[in-house]
Amino acid sequence: MLDTTRTGAASPEGDEREPRGCLFALSQPPLMIFLAVIGTLFLMAALHDLLLL
């Protein structure tokens, strides 16, 4: 989850957190739900083409 807590003073070394990459973005539930829906639609379309046409 996103940490929104802040202290009153800034840290002397600055903010040296590692940047979050693509794997963090893919682990978010709304994106995973969206990708699952899109994948299901592709699967249904492929099965329709293979079995019914």
C-alpha atoms as a PDB file:
ATOM      1  CA  MET A   1       0.000   0.000   0.000  1.00  0.00           C
ATOM      2  CA  LEU A   2       1.002   3.582  -0.458  1.00  0.00           C
ATOM      3  CA  ASP A   3       2.537   5.123   2.654  1.00  0.00           C
ATOM      4  CA  THR A   4       1.169   8.647   3.016  1.00  0.00           C
ATOM      5  CA  THR A   5       2.559   9.370   6.475  1.00  0.00           C
ATOM      6  CA  ARG A   6       5.070  12.206   6.643  1.00  0.00           C
ATOM      7  CA  THR A   7       7.238  13.486   9.427  1.00  0.00           C
ATOM      8  CA  GLY A   8       7.582  17.189  10.163  1.00  0.00           C
ATOM      9  CA  ALA A   9      11.221  17.535   9.112  1.00  0.00           C
ATOM     10  CA  ALA A  10      12.812  16.214   5.960  1.00  0.00           C
ATOM     11  CA  SER A  11      15.508  13.585   6.329  1.00  0.00           C
ATOM     12  CA  PRO A  12      19.072  14.910   6.077  1.00  0.00           C
ATOM     13  CA  GLU A  13      20.090  12.407   3.417  1.00  0.00           C
ATOM     14  CA  GLY A  14      17.060  13.146   1.272  1.00  0.00           C
ATOM     15  CA  ASP A  15      14.505  10.672   0.062  1.00  0.00           C
ATOM     16  CA  GLU A  16      16.565   7.677  -1.100  1.00  0.00           C
ATOM     17  CA  ARG A  17      13.836   5.114  -1.639  1.00  0.00           C
ATOM     18  CA  GLU A  18      14.274   2.769  -4.565  1.00  0.00           C
ATOM     19  CA  PRO A  19      11.944   3.551  -7.471  1.00  0.00           C
ATOM     20  CA  ARG A  20       9.167   1.022  -7.838  1.00  0.00           C
ATOM     21  CA  GLY A  21       9.172  -0.742 -11.156  1.00  0.00           C
ATOM     22  CA  CYS A  22       6.887  -2.670 -13.424  1.00  0.00           C
ATOM     23  CA  LEU A  23       6.407  -5.654 -11.110  1.00  0.00           C
ATOM     24  CA  PHE A  24       5.012  -3.382  -8.389  1.00  0.00           C
ATOM     25  CA  ALA A  25       2.559  -1.882 -10.880  1.00  0.00           C
ATOM     26  CA  LEU A  26       1.430  -5.330 -12.033  1.00  0.00           C
ATOM     27  CA  SER A  27       0.745  -6.416  -8.462  1.00  0.00           C
ATOM     28  CA  GLN A  28      -1.986  -3.819  -7.971  1.00  0.00           C
ATOM     29  CA  PRO A  29      -5.483  -5.384  -7.677  1.00  0.00           C
ATOM     30  CA  PRO A  30      -7.347  -3.012 -10.083  1.00  0.00           C
ATOM     31  CA  LEU A  31      -4.809  -3.656 -12.833  1.00  0.00           C
ATOM     32  CA  MET A  32      -4.916  -7.408 -12.230  1.00  0.00           C
ATOM     33  CA  ILE A  33      -8.730  -7.380 -12.448  1.00  0.00           C
ATOM     34  CA  PHE A  34      -8.573  -5.376 -15.680  1.00  0.00           C
ATOM     35  CA  LEU A  35      -5.997  -7.741 -17.196  1.00  0.00           C
ATOM     36  CA  ALA A  36      -8.038 -10.775 -16.138  1.00  0.00           C
ATOM     37  CA  VAL A  37     -11.157  -9.373 -17.845  1.00  0.00           C
ATOM     38  CA  ILE A  38      -9.249  -8.582 -21.040  1.00  0.00           C
ATOM     39  CA  GLY A  39      -7.621 -12.030 -20.990  1.00  0.00           C
ATOM     40  CA  THR A  40     -11.007 -13.689 -20.536  1.00  0.00           C
ATOM     41  CA  LEU A  41     -12.417 -11.774 -23.500  1.00  0.00           C
ATOM     42  CA  PHE A  42      -9.465 -12.833 -25.663  1.00  0.00           C
ATOM     43  CA  LEU A  43      -9.904 -16.448 -24.558  1.00  0.00           C
ATOM     44  CA  MET A  44     -13.621 -16.405 -25.338  1.00  0.00           C
ATOM     45  CA  ALA A  45     -12.968 -14.896 -28.769  1.00  0.00           C
ATOM     46  CA  ALA A  46     -10.274 -17.489 -29.525  1.00  0.00           C
ATOM     47  CA  LEU A  47     -12.503 -20.372 -28.443  1.00  0.00           C
ATOM     48  CA  HIS A  48     -15.359 -18.966 -30.510  1.00  0.00           C
ATOM     49  CA  ASP A  49     -13.131 -18.804 -33.585  1.00  0.00           C
ATOM     50  CA  LEU A  50     -11.737 -22.293 -33.070  1.00  0.00           C
ATOM     51  CA  LEU A  51     -14.873 -24.174 -32.110  1.00  0.00           C
ATOM     52  CA  LEU A  52     -17.861 -22.374 -33.590  1.00  0.00           C
ATOM     53  CA  LEU A  53     -16.639 -20.946 -36.885  1.00  0.00           C
END
